[in-house]
Amino acid sequence: MFISSAYAQAAAGGDTQSTLMGLLPLVLMFVVLYFVMIRPQLKRQKEHKAMVEALAKGDEVATAGGLLGRVTKIGDVYLGVELGDGMEVQMQRSAVVQVLPKGTMK
């Protein structure tokens, strides 16, 4: 009777080294996820924000919908984009995916 209760108490205490070794794979997985997924995504978001803020009149852009146009008006949230002769649309600044080199549209 005394031996079994003493054995049960010793087993319930646990070992701190085994607990740390059990958490090591979780910490390692988070570090790998950070460098593989989170960090590149934050970098892309930062680059896109800088590109959208640097837009100017006359820039040729490609939109998320696949349209190519030339920026004619710039507002805080919206842009005026000329798609063709006399055809101008308004779109959100965030819809611009890429600024094209000058002379792409002819």
PDB file of N, CA and C in Angstrom:
ATOM      1  N   MET A   1       0.819  -1.184   0.000  1.00  0.00           N
ATOM      2  CA  MET A   1       0.000   0.000   0.000  1.00  0.00           C
ATOM      3  C   MET A   1       0.870   1.258   0.000  1.00  0.00           C
ATOM      4  N   PHE A   2       1.908   1.307   0.812  1.00  0.00           N
ATOM      5  CA  PHE A   2       2.758   2.494   0.851  1.00  0.00           C
ATOM      6  C   PHE A   2       3.605   2.619  -0.411  1.00  0.00           C
ATOM      7  N   ILE A   3       4.020   1.536  -0.948  1.00  0.00           N
ATOM      8  CA  ILE A   3       4.898   1.584  -2.113  1.00  0.00           C
ATOM      9  C   ILE A   3       4.138   2.074  -3.343  1.00  0.00           C
ATOM     10  N   SER A   4       2.930   1.628  -3.559  1.00  0.00           N
ATOM     11  CA  SER A   4       2.181   2.030  -4.742  1.00  0.00           C
ATOM     12  C   SER A   4       1.836   3.513  -4.709  1.00  0.00           C
ATOM     13  N   SER A   5       1.500   4.080  -3.575  1.00  0.00           N
ATOM     14  CA  SER A   5       1.185   5.502  -3.509  1.00  0.00           C
ATOM     15  C   SER A   5       2.437   6.350  -3.707  1.00  0.00           C
ATOM     16  N   ALA A   6       3.575   5.930  -3.195  1.00  0.00           N
ATOM     17  CA  ALA A   6       4.821   6.657  -3.403  1.00  0.00           C
ATOM     18  C   ALA A   6       5.218   6.611  -4.881  1.00  0.00           C
ATOM     19  N   TYR A   7       5.012   5.507  -5.512  1.00  0.00           N
ATOM     20  CA  TYR A   7       5.329   5.376  -6.930  1.00  0.00           C
ATOM     21  C   TYR A   7       4.427   6.287  -7.766  1.00  0.00           C
ATOM     22  N   ALA A   8       3.152   6.384  -7.405  1.00  0.00           N
ATOM     23  CA  ALA A   8       2.215   7.224  -8.134  1.00  0.00           C
ATOM     24  C   ALA A   8       2.574   8.693  -7.980  1.00  0.00           C
ATOM     25  N   GLN A   9       3.013   9.114  -6.829  1.00  0.00           N
ATOM     26  CA  GLN A   9       3.391  10.502  -6.625  1.00  0.00           C
ATOM     27  C   GLN A   9       4.642  10.859  -7.420  1.00  0.00           C
ATOM     28  N   ALA A  10       5.587   9.983  -7.493  1.00  0.00           N
ATOM     29  CA  ALA A  10       6.812  10.258  -8.240  1.00  0.00           C
ATOM     30  C   ALA A  10       6.521  10.357  -9.734  1.00  0.00           C
ATOM     31  N   ALA A  11       5.627   9.576 -10.236  1.00  0.00           N
ATOM     32  CA  ALA A  11       5.298   9.607 -11.659  1.00  0.00           C
ATOM     33  C   ALA A  11       4.496  10.854 -12.019  1.00  0.00           C
ATOM     34  N   ALA A  12       3.696  11.387 -11.116  1.00  0.00           N
ATOM     35  CA  ALA A  12       2.852  12.535 -11.403  1.00  0.00           C
ATOM     36  C   ALA A  12       3.662  13.823 -11.477  1.00  0.00           C
ATOM     37  N   GLY A  13       4.840  13.867 -10.853  1.00  0.00           N
ATOM     38  CA  GLY A  13       5.650  15.080 -10.830  1.00  0.00           C
ATOM     39  C   GLY A  13       6.122  15.493 -12.209  1.00  0.00           C
ATOM     40  N   GLY A  14       6.435  14.588 -13.072  1.00  0.00           N
ATOM     41  CA  GLY A  14       6.884  14.885 -14.435  1.00  0.00           C
ATOM     42  C   GLY A  14       8.316  15.362 -14.457  1.00  0.00           C
ATOM     43  N   ASP A  15       8.843  15.500 -15.640  1.00  0.00           N
ATOM     44  CA  ASP A  15      10.212  15.932 -15.827  1.00  0.00           C
ATOM     45  C   ASP A  15      10.196  17.190 -16.687  1.00  0.00           C
ATOM     46  N   THR A  16      10.879  18.257 -16.249  1.00  0.00           N
ATOM     47  CA  THR A  16      10.853  19.512 -17.001  1.00  0.00           C
ATOM     48  C   THR A  16      11.589  19.384 -18.334  1.00  0.00           C
ATOM     49  N   GLN A  17      12.609  18.558 -18.380  1.00  0.00           N
ATOM     50  CA  GLN A  17      13.342  18.371 -19.629  1.00  0.00           C
ATOM     51  C   GLN A  17      12.469  17.712 -20.690  1.00  0.00           C
ATOM     52  N   SER A  18      11.656  16.736 -20.298  1.00  0.00           N
ATOM     53  CA  SER A  18      10.782  16.095 -21.274  1.00  0.00           C
ATOM     54  C   SER A  18       9.676  17.049 -21.735  1.00  0.00           C
ATOM     55  N   THR A  19       9.250  17.955 -20.853  1.00  0.00           N
ATOM     56  CA  THR A  19       8.242  18.948 -21.240  1.00  0.00           C
ATOM     57  C   THR A  19       8.828  19.908 -22.276  1.00  0.00           C
ATOM     58  N   LEU A  20      10.055  20.366 -22.047  1.00  0.00           N
ATOM     59  CA  LEU A  20      10.702  21.259 -23.013  1.00  0.00           C
ATOM     60  C   LEU A  20      10.954  20.560 -24.340  1.00  0.00           C
ATOM     61  N   MET A  21      11.328  19.316 -24.296  1.00  0.00           N
ATOM     62  CA  MET A  21      11.547  18.559 -25.528  1.00  0.00           C
ATOM     63  C   MET A  21      10.229  18.335 -26.266  1.00  0.00           C
ATOM     64  N   GLY A  22       9.119  18.275 -25.530  1.00  0.00           N
ATOM     65  CA  GLY A  22       7.815  18.133 -26.170  1.00  0.00           C
ATOM     66  C   GLY A  22       7.385  19.412 -26.867  1.00  0.00           C
ATOM     67  N   LEU A  23       7.785  20.576 -26.334  1.00  0.00           N
ATOM     68  CA  LEU A  23       7.429  21.860 -26.939  1.00  0.00           C
ATOM     69  C   LEU A  23       8.371  22.258 -28.071  1.00  0.00           C
ATOM     70  N   LEU A  24       9.537  21.660 -28.119  1.00  0.00           N
ATOM     71  CA  LEU A  24      10.523  22.009 -29.137  1.00  0.00           C
ATOM     72  C   LEU A  24       9.999  21.855 -30.572  1.00  0.00           C
ATOM     73  N   PRO A  25       9.303  20.790 -30.930  1.00  0.00           N
ATOM     74  CA  PRO A  25       8.773  20.703 -32.304  1.00  0.00           C
ATOM     75  C   PRO A  25       7.764  21.810 -32.629  1.00  0.00           C
ATOM     76  N   LEU A  26       6.957  22.203 -31.664  1.00  0.00           N
ATOM     77  CA  LEU A  26       5.992  23.292 -31.916  1.00  0.00           C
ATOM     78  C   LEU A  26       6.705  24.615 -32.157  1.00  0.00           C
ATOM     79  N   VAL A  27       7.713  24.903 -31.358  1.00  0.00           N
ATOM     80  CA  VAL A  27       8.468  26.139 -31.527  1.00  0.00           C
ATOM     81  C   VAL A  27       9.208  26.116 -32.859  1.00  0.00           C
ATOM     82  N   LEU A  28       9.799  25.003 -33.180  1.00  0.00           N
ATOM     83  CA  LEU A  28      10.514  24.866 -34.449  1.00  0.00           C
ATOM     84  C   LEU A  28       9.562  25.025 -35.638  1.00  0.00           C
ATOM     85  N   MET A  29       8.364  24.469 -35.539  1.00  0.00           N
ATOM     86  CA  MET A  29       7.377  24.587 -36.613  1.00  0.00           C
ATOM     87  C   MET A  29       6.958  26.054 -36.792  1.00  0.00           C
ATOM     88  N   PHE A  30       6.762  26.789 -35.699  1.00  0.00           N
ATOM     89  CA  PHE A  30       6.390  28.199 -35.795  1.00  0.00           C
ATOM     90  C   PHE A  30       7.503  29.016 -36.448  1.00  0.00           C
ATOM     91  N   VAL A  31       8.746  28.736 -36.095  1.00  0.00           N
ATOM     92  CA  VAL A  31       9.876  29.461 -36.688  1.00  0.00           C
ATOM     93  C   VAL A  31       9.935  29.203 -38.191  1.00  0.00           C
ATOM     94  N   VAL A  32       9.762  27.970 -38.598  1.00  0.00           N
ATOM     95  CA  VAL A  32       9.783  27.638 -40.027  1.00  0.00           C
ATOM     96  C   VAL A  32       8.620  28.319 -40.750  1.00  0.00           C
ATOM     97  N   LEU A  33       7.425  28.298 -40.174  1.00  0.00           N
ATOM     98  CA  LEU A  33       6.268  28.970 -40.784  1.00  0.00           C
ATOM     99  C   LEU A  33       6.513  30.462 -40.919  1.00  0.00           C
ATOM    100  N   TYR A  34       7.136  31.053 -39.929  1.00  0.00           N
ATOM    101  CA  TYR A  34       7.408  32.492 -39.984  1.00  0.00           C
ATOM    102  C   TYR A  34       8.307  32.821 -41.178  1.00  0.00           C
ATOM    103  N   PHE A  35       9.396  32.073 -41.334  1.00  0.00           N
ATOM    104  CA  PHE A  35      10.337  32.387 -42.406  1.00  0.00           C
ATOM    105  C   PHE A  35       9.844  31.939 -43.781  1.00  0.00           C
ATOM    106  N   VAL A  36       8.978  30.937 -43.847  1.00  0.00           N
ATOM    107  CA  VAL A  36       8.515  30.442 -45.139  1.00  0.00           C
ATOM    108  C   VAL A  36       7.247  31.151 -45.608  1.00  0.00           C
ATOM    109  N   MET A  37       6.346  31.499 -44.692  1.00  0.00           N
ATOM    110  CA  MET A  37       5.058  32.052 -45.111  1.00  0.00           C
ATOM    111  C   MET A  37       4.822  33.490 -44.657  1.00  0.00           C
ATOM    112  N   ILE A  38       5.004  33.772 -43.396  1.00  0.00           N
ATOM    113  CA  ILE A  38       4.601  35.063 -42.852  1.00  0.00           C
ATOM    114  C   ILE A  38       5.518  36.186 -43.318  1.00  0.00           C
ATOM    115  N   ARG A  39       6.804  35.998 -43.219  1.00  0.00           N
ATOM    116  CA  ARG A  39       7.756  37.046 -43.577  1.00  0.00           C
ATOM    117  C   ARG A  39       7.671  37.442 -45.054  1.00  0.00           C
ATOM    118  N   PRO A  40       7.629  36.498 -46.001  1.00  0.00           N
ATOM    119  CA  PRO A  40       7.486  36.908 -47.411  1.00  0.00           C
ATOM    120  C   PRO A  40       6.165  37.629 -47.696  1.00  0.00           C
ATOM    121  N   GLN A  41       5.094  37.212 -47.030  1.00  0.00           N
ATOM    122  CA  GLN A  41       3.799  37.867 -47.234  1.00  0.00           C
ATOM    123  C   GLN A  41       3.852  39.313 -46.752  1.00  0.00           C
ATOM    124  N   LEU A  42       4.454  39.562 -45.606  1.00  0.00           N
ATOM    125  CA  LEU A  42       4.583  40.924 -45.099  1.00  0.00           C
ATOM    126  C   LEU A  42       5.446  41.773 -46.030  1.00  0.00           C
ATOM    127  N   LYS A  43       6.480  41.177 -46.591  1.00  0.00           N
ATOM    128  CA  LYS A  43       7.345  41.898 -47.523  1.00  0.00           C
ATOM    129  C   LYS A  43       6.579  42.288 -48.783  1.00  0.00           C
ATOM    130  N   ARG A  44       5.772  41.356 -49.321  1.00  0.00           N
ATOM    131  CA  ARG A  44       4.964  41.654 -50.515  1.00  0.00           C
ATOM    132  C   ARG A  44       3.945  42.753 -50.234  1.00  0.00           C
ATOM    133  N   GLN A  45       3.311  42.705 -49.065  1.00  0.00           N
ATOM    134  CA  GLN A  45       2.334  43.737 -48.711  1.00  0.00           C
ATOM    135  C   GLN A  45       2.996  45.105 -48.623  1.00  0.00           C
ATOM    136  N   LYS A  46       4.179  45.154 -48.047  1.00  0.00           N
ATOM    137  CA  LYS A  46       4.906  46.412 -47.907  1.00  0.00           C
ATOM    138  C   LYS A  46       5.283  46.965 -49.284  1.00  0.00           C
ATOM    139  N   GLU A  47       5.758  46.113 -50.190  1.00  0.00           N
ATOM    140  CA  GLU A  47       6.123  46.544 -51.537  1.00  0.00           C
ATOM    141  C   GLU A  47       4.901  47.041 -52.309  1.00  0.00           C
ATOM    142  N   HIS A  48       3.764  46.356 -52.188  1.00  0.00           N
ATOM    143  CA  HIS A  48       2.547  46.764 -52.887  1.00  0.00           C
ATOM    144  C   HIS A  48       2.064  48.113 -52.375  1.00  0.00           C
ATOM    145  N   LYS A  49       2.107  48.300 -51.076  1.00  0.00           N
ATOM    146  CA  LYS A  49       1.666  49.577 -50.493  1.00  0.00           C
ATOM    147  C   LYS A  49       2.546  50.720 -50.990  1.00  0.00           C
ATOM    148  N   ALA A  50       3.857  50.512 -51.049  1.00  0.00           N
ATOM    149  CA  ALA A  50       4.771  51.549 -51.540  1.00  0.00           C
ATOM    150  C   ALA A  50       4.506  51.846 -53.010  1.00  0.00           C
ATOM    151  N   MET A  51       4.228  50.808 -53.813  1.00  0.00           N
ATOM    152  CA  MET A  51       3.953  51.005 -55.232  1.00  0.00           C
ATOM    153  C   MET A  51       2.668  51.812 -55.426  1.00  0.00           C
ATOM    154  N   VAL A  52       1.630  51.492 -54.674  1.00  0.00           N
ATOM    155  CA  VAL A  52       0.348  52.188 -54.815  1.00  0.00           C
ATOM    156  C   VAL A  52       0.475  53.642 -54.371  1.00  0.00           C
ATOM    157  N   GLU A  53       1.243  53.888 -53.326  1.00  0.00           N
ATOM    158  CA  GLU A  53       1.423  55.263 -52.860  1.00  0.00           C
ATOM    159  C   GLU A  53       2.251  56.090 -53.830  1.00  0.00           C
ATOM    160  N   ALA A  54       3.103  55.450 -54.633  1.00  0.00           N
ATOM    161  CA  ALA A  54       3.979  56.168 -55.554  1.00  0.00           C
ATOM    162  C   ALA A  54       3.344  56.396 -56.924  1.00  0.00           C
ATOM    163  N   LEU A  55       2.091  56.001 -57.117  1.00  0.00           N
ATOM    164  CA  LEU A  55       1.445  56.193 -58.416  1.00  0.00           C
ATOM    165  C   LEU A  55       1.345  57.679 -58.746  1.00  0.00           C
ATOM    166  N   ALA A  56       1.527  58.001 -60.020  1.00  0.00           N
ATOM    167  CA  ALA A  56       1.443  59.382 -60.480  1.00  0.00           C
ATOM    168  C   ALA A  56       0.660  59.422 -61.788  1.00  0.00           C
ATOM    169  N   LYS A  57       0.214  60.619 -62.150  1.00  0.00           N
ATOM    170  CA  LYS A  57      -0.489  60.786 -63.422  1.00  0.00           C
ATOM    171  C   LYS A  57       0.413  60.364 -64.561  1.00  0.00           C
ATOM    172  N   GLY A  58      -0.164  59.661 -65.521  1.00  0.00           N
ATOM    173  CA  GLY A  58       0.584  59.227 -66.688  1.00  0.00           C
ATOM    174  C   GLY A  58       1.201  57.844 -66.544  1.00  0.00           C
ATOM    175  N   ASP A  59       1.201  57.283 -65.342  1.00  0.00           N
ATOM    176  CA  ASP A  59       1.728  55.921 -65.168  1.00  0.00           C
ATOM    177  C   ASP A  59       0.825  54.919 -65.869  1.00  0.00           C
ATOM    178  N   GLU A  60       1.420  53.942 -66.482  1.00  0.00           N
ATOM    179  CA  GLU A  60       0.669  52.866 -67.122  1.00  0.00           C
ATOM    180  C   GLU A  60       0.618  51.702 -66.140  1.00  0.00           C
ATOM    181  N   VAL A  61      -0.609  51.203 -65.898  1.00  0.00           N
ATOM    182  CA  VAL A  61      -0.799  50.203 -64.851  1.00  0.00           C
ATOM    183  C   VAL A  61      -1.572  49.000 -65.370  1.00  0.00           C
ATOM    184  N   ALA A  62      -1.393  47.884 -64.683  1.00  0.00           N
ATOM    185  CA  ALA A  62      -2.195  46.682 -64.892  1.00  0.00           C
ATOM    186  C   ALA A  62      -3.016  46.491 -63.627  1.00  0.00           C
ATOM    187  N   THR A  63      -4.290  46.143 -63.791  1.00  0.00           N
ATOM    188  CA  THR A  63      -5.179  46.000 -62.638  1.00  0.00           C
ATOM    189  C   THR A  63      -5.378  44.528 -62.302  1.00  0.00           C
ATOM    190  N   ALA A  64      -6.017  44.305 -61.156  1.00  0.00           N
ATOM    191  CA  ALA A  64      -6.287  42.937 -60.711  1.00  0.00           C
ATOM    192  C   ALA A  64      -7.232  42.227 -61.675  1.00  0.00           C
ATOM    193  N   GLY A  65      -8.059  42.974 -62.392  1.00  0.00           N
ATOM    194  CA  GLY A  65      -8.981  42.387 -63.351  1.00  0.00           C
ATOM    195  C   GLY A  65      -8.351  42.123 -64.704  1.00  0.00           C
ATOM    196  N   GLY A  66      -7.085  42.502 -64.885  1.00  0.00           N
ATOM    197  CA  GLY A  66      -6.402  42.249 -66.140  1.00  0.00           C
ATOM    198  C   GLY A  66      -6.480  43.397 -67.131  1.00  0.00           C
ATOM    199  N   LEU A  67      -6.999  44.535 -66.710  1.00  0.00           N
ATOM    200  CA  LEU A  67      -7.093  45.688 -67.603  1.00  0.00           C
ATOM    201  C   LEU A  67      -5.803  46.484 -67.576  1.00  0.00           C
ATOM    202  N   LEU A  68      -5.440  47.033 -68.740  1.00  0.00           N
ATOM    203  CA  LEU A  68      -4.290  47.917 -68.839  1.00  0.00           C
ATOM    204  C   LEU A  68      -4.800  49.318 -69.087  1.00  0.00           C
ATOM    205  N   GLY A  69      -4.207  50.293 -68.400  1.00  0.00           N
ATOM    206  CA  GLY A  69      -4.658  51.663 -68.584  1.00  0.00           C
ATOM    207  C   GLY A  69      -3.615  52.658 -68.127  1.00  0.00           C
ATOM    208  N   ARG A  70      -3.946  53.934 -68.373  1.00  0.00           N
ATOM    209  CA  ARG A  70      -3.052  55.029 -67.995  1.00  0.00           C
ATOM    210  C   ARG A  70      -3.762  55.857 -66.920  1.00  0.00           C
ATOM    211  N   VAL A  71      -3.059  56.157 -65.837  1.00  0.00           N
ATOM    212  CA  VAL A  71      -3.635  56.914 -64.725  1.00  0.00           C
ATOM    213  C   VAL A  71      -3.847  58.352 -65.169  1.00  0.00           C
ATOM    214  N   THR A  72      -5.094  58.851 -64.994  1.00  0.00           N
ATOM    215  CA  THR A  72      -5.413  60.222 -65.368  1.00  0.00           C
ATOM    216  C   THR A  72      -5.769  61.087 -64.166  1.00  0.00           C
ATOM    217  N   LYS A  73      -6.363  60.488 -63.145  1.00  0.00           N
ATOM    218  CA  LYS A  73      -6.739  61.228 -61.938  1.00  0.00           C
ATOM    219  C   LYS A  73      -6.321  60.417 -60.726  1.00  0.00           C
ATOM    220  N   ILE A  74      -5.875  61.123 -59.707  1.00  0.00           N
ATOM    221  CA  ILE A  74      -5.459  60.432 -58.491  1.00  0.00           C
ATOM    222  C   ILE A  74      -6.200  61.026 -57.307  1.00  0.00           C
ATOM    223  N   GLY A  75      -6.840  60.151 -56.544  1.00  0.00           N
ATOM    224  CA  GLY A  75      -7.493  60.548 -55.304  1.00  0.00           C
ATOM    225  C   GLY A  75      -6.902  59.760 -54.150  1.00  0.00           C
ATOM    226  N   ASP A  76      -7.475  59.962 -52.965  1.00  0.00           N
ATOM    227  CA  ASP A  76      -6.966  59.240 -51.793  1.00  0.00           C
ATOM    228  C   ASP A  76      -7.242  57.748 -51.893  1.00  0.00           C
ATOM    229  N   VAL A  77      -8.442  57.397 -52.345  1.00  0.00           N
ATOM    230  CA  VAL A  77      -8.840  55.993 -52.395  1.00  0.00           C
ATOM    231  C   VAL A  77      -9.006  55.511 -53.835  1.00  0.00           C
ATOM    232  N   TYR A  78      -9.417  56.404 -54.733  1.00  0.00           N
ATOM    233  CA  TYR A  78      -9.746  56.008 -56.099  1.00  0.00           C
ATOM    234  C   TYR A  78      -8.803  56.634 -57.113  1.00  0.00           C
ATOM    235  N   LEU A  79      -8.682  55.963 -58.251  1.00  0.00           N
ATOM    236  CA  LEU A  79      -7.903  56.432 -59.392  1.00  0.00           C
ATOM    237  C   LEU A  79      -8.807  56.549 -60.602  1.00  0.00           C
ATOM    238  N   GLY A  80      -8.511  57.493 -61.462  1.00  0.00           N
ATOM    239  CA  GLY A  80      -9.132  57.534 -62.768  1.00  0.00           C
ATOM    240  C   GLY A  80      -8.161  56.901 -63.746  1.00  0.00           C
ATOM    241  N   VAL A  81      -8.610  55.872 -64.446  1.00  0.00           N
ATOM    242  CA  VAL A  81      -7.732  55.149 -65.369  1.00  0.00           C
ATOM    243  C   VAL A  81      -8.359  55.178 -66.753  1.00  0.00           C
ATOM    244  N   GLU A  82      -7.591  55.635 -67.728  1.00  0.00           N
ATOM    245  CA  GLU A  82      -8.055  55.674 -69.117  1.00  0.00           C
ATOM    246  C   GLU A  82      -7.673  54.354 -69.776  1.00  0.00           C
ATOM    247  N   LEU A  83      -8.691  53.608 -70.194  1.00  0.00           N
ATOM    248  CA  LEU A  83      -8.473  52.310 -70.814  1.00  0.00           C
ATOM    249  C   LEU A  83      -8.256  52.414 -72.315  1.00  0.00           C
ATOM    250  N   GLY A  84      -8.871  53.386 -72.906  1.00  0.00           N
ATOM    251  CA  GLY A  84      -8.756  53.590 -74.353  1.00  0.00           C
ATOM    252  C   GLY A  84      -9.099  55.030 -74.658  1.00  0.00           C
ATOM    253  N   ASP A  85      -9.241  55.358 -75.939  1.00  0.00           N
ATOM    254  CA  ASP A  85      -9.583  56.732 -76.321  1.00  0.00           C
ATOM    255  C   ASP A  85     -10.959  57.092 -75.788  1.00  0.00           C
ATOM    256  N   GLY A  86     -11.010  58.024 -74.860  1.00  0.00           N
ATOM    257  CA  GLY A  86     -12.269  58.504 -74.320  1.00  0.00           C
ATOM    258  C   GLY A  86     -12.951  57.559 -73.341  1.00  0.00           C
ATOM    259  N   MET A  87     -12.325  56.470 -72.975  1.00  0.00           N
ATOM    260  CA  MET A  87     -12.940  55.515 -72.039  1.00  0.00           C
ATOM    261  C   MET A  87     -12.156  55.552 -70.733  1.00  0.00           C
ATOM    262  N   GLU A  88     -12.791  56.153 -69.728  1.00  0.00           N
ATOM    263  CA  GLU A  88     -12.133  56.283 -68.436  1.00  0.00           C
ATOM    264  C   GLU A  88     -12.992  55.632 -67.357  1.00  0.00           C
ATOM    265  N   VAL A  89     -12.343  54.912 -66.465  1.00  0.00           N
ATOM    266  CA  VAL A  89     -13.045  54.266 -65.352  1.00  0.00           C
ATOM    267  C   VAL A  89     -12.396  54.693 -64.049  1.00  0.00           C
ATOM    268  N   GLN A  90     -13.189  54.576 -62.986  1.00  0.00           N
ATOM    269  CA  GLN A  90     -12.649  54.821 -61.655  1.00  0.00           C
ATOM    270  C   GLN A  90     -12.478  53.483 -60.969  1.00  0.00           C
ATOM    271  N   MET A  91     -11.367  53.326 -60.271  1.00  0.00           N
ATOM    272  CA  MET A  91     -11.137  52.083 -59.539  1.00  0.00           C
ATOM    273  C   MET A  91     -10.371  52.387 -58.262  1.00  0.00           C
ATOM    274  N   GLN A  92     -10.392  51.435 -57.372  1.00  0.00           N
ATOM    275  CA  GLN A  92      -9.656  51.588 -56.129  1.00  0.00           C
ATOM    276  C   GLN A  92      -8.165  51.502 -56.401  1.00  0.00           C
ATOM    277  N   ARG A  93      -7.412  52.247 -55.598  1.00  0.00           N
ATOM    278  CA  ARG A  93      -5.955  52.226 -55.756  1.00  0.00           C
ATOM    279  C   ARG A  93      -5.396  50.829 -55.516  1.00  0.00           C
ATOM    280  N   SER A  94      -6.005  50.103 -54.585  1.00  0.00           N
ATOM    281  CA  SER A  94      -5.487  48.770 -54.245  1.00  0.00           C
ATOM    282  C   SER A  94      -5.684  47.761 -55.369  1.00  0.00           C
ATOM    283  N   ALA A  95      -6.498  48.091 -56.379  1.00  0.00           N
ATOM    284  CA  ALA A  95      -6.721  47.176 -57.503  1.00  0.00           C
ATOM    285  C   ALA A  95      -5.552  47.185 -58.485  1.00  0.00           C
ATOM    286  N   VAL A  96      -4.642  48.121 -58.343  1.00  0.00           N
ATOM    287  CA  VAL A  96      -3.478  48.175 -59.221  1.00  0.00           C
ATOM    288  C   VAL A  96      -2.503  47.089 -58.772  1.00  0.00           C
ATOM    289  N   VAL A  97      -2.147  46.226 -59.705  1.00  0.00           N
ATOM    290  CA  VAL A  97      -1.254  45.110 -59.400  1.00  0.00           C
ATOM    291  C   VAL A  97       0.175  45.420 -59.804  1.00  0.00           C
ATOM    292  N   GLN A  98       0.340  46.158 -60.903  1.00  0.00           N
ATOM    293  CA  GLN A  98       1.678  46.375 -61.436  1.00  0.00           C
ATOM    294  C   GLN A  98       1.737  47.702 -62.169  1.00  0.00           C
ATOM    295  N   VAL A  99       2.842  48.403 -62.027  1.00  0.00           N
ATOM    296  CA  VAL A  99       3.099  49.597 -62.820  1.00  0.00           C
ATOM    297  C   VAL A  99       3.963  49.150 -63.991  1.00  0.00           C
ATOM    298  N   LEU A 100       3.458  49.427 -65.181  1.00  0.00           N
ATOM    299  CA  LEU A 100       4.142  48.966 -66.407  1.00  0.00           C
ATOM    300  C   LEU A 100       5.187  49.985 -66.847  1.00  0.00           C
ATOM    301  N   PRO A 101       6.171  49.551 -67.601  1.00  0.00           N
ATOM    302  CA  PRO A 101       7.158  50.507 -68.153  1.00  0.00           C
ATOM    303  C   PRO A 101       6.484  51.471 -69.122  1.00  0.00           C
ATOM    304  N   LYS A 102       7.011  52.678 -69.198  1.00  0.00           N
ATOM    305  CA  LYS A 102       6.455  53.695 -70.108  1.00  0.00           C
ATOM    306  C   LYS A 102       6.495  53.179 -71.545  1.00  0.00           C
ATOM    307  N   GLY A 103       5.419  53.440 -72.276  1.00  0.00           N
ATOM    308  CA  GLY A 103       5.353  53.053 -73.671  1.00  0.00           C
ATOM    309  C   GLY A 103       4.817  51.635 -73.896  1.00  0.00           C
ATOM    310  N   THR A 104       4.386  50.960 -72.854  1.00  0.00           N
ATOM    311  CA  THR A 104       3.842  49.622 -73.021  1.00  0.00           C
ATOM    312  C   THR A 104       2.531  49.681 -73.814  1.00  0.00           C
ATOM    313  N   MET A 105       1.704  50.657 -73.464  1.00  0.00           N
ATOM    314  CA  MET A 105       0.416  50.816 -74.162  1.00  0.00           C
ATOM    315  C   MET A 105       0.628  51.747 -75.356  1.00  0.00           C
ATOM    316  N   LYS A 106       0.121  51.326 -76.498  1.00  0.00           N
ATOM    317  CA  LYS A 106       0.231  52.188 -77.683  1.00  0.00           C
ATOM    318  C   LYS A 106      -1.078  52.253 -78.392  1.00  0.00           C
TER     319      LYS A 106
END
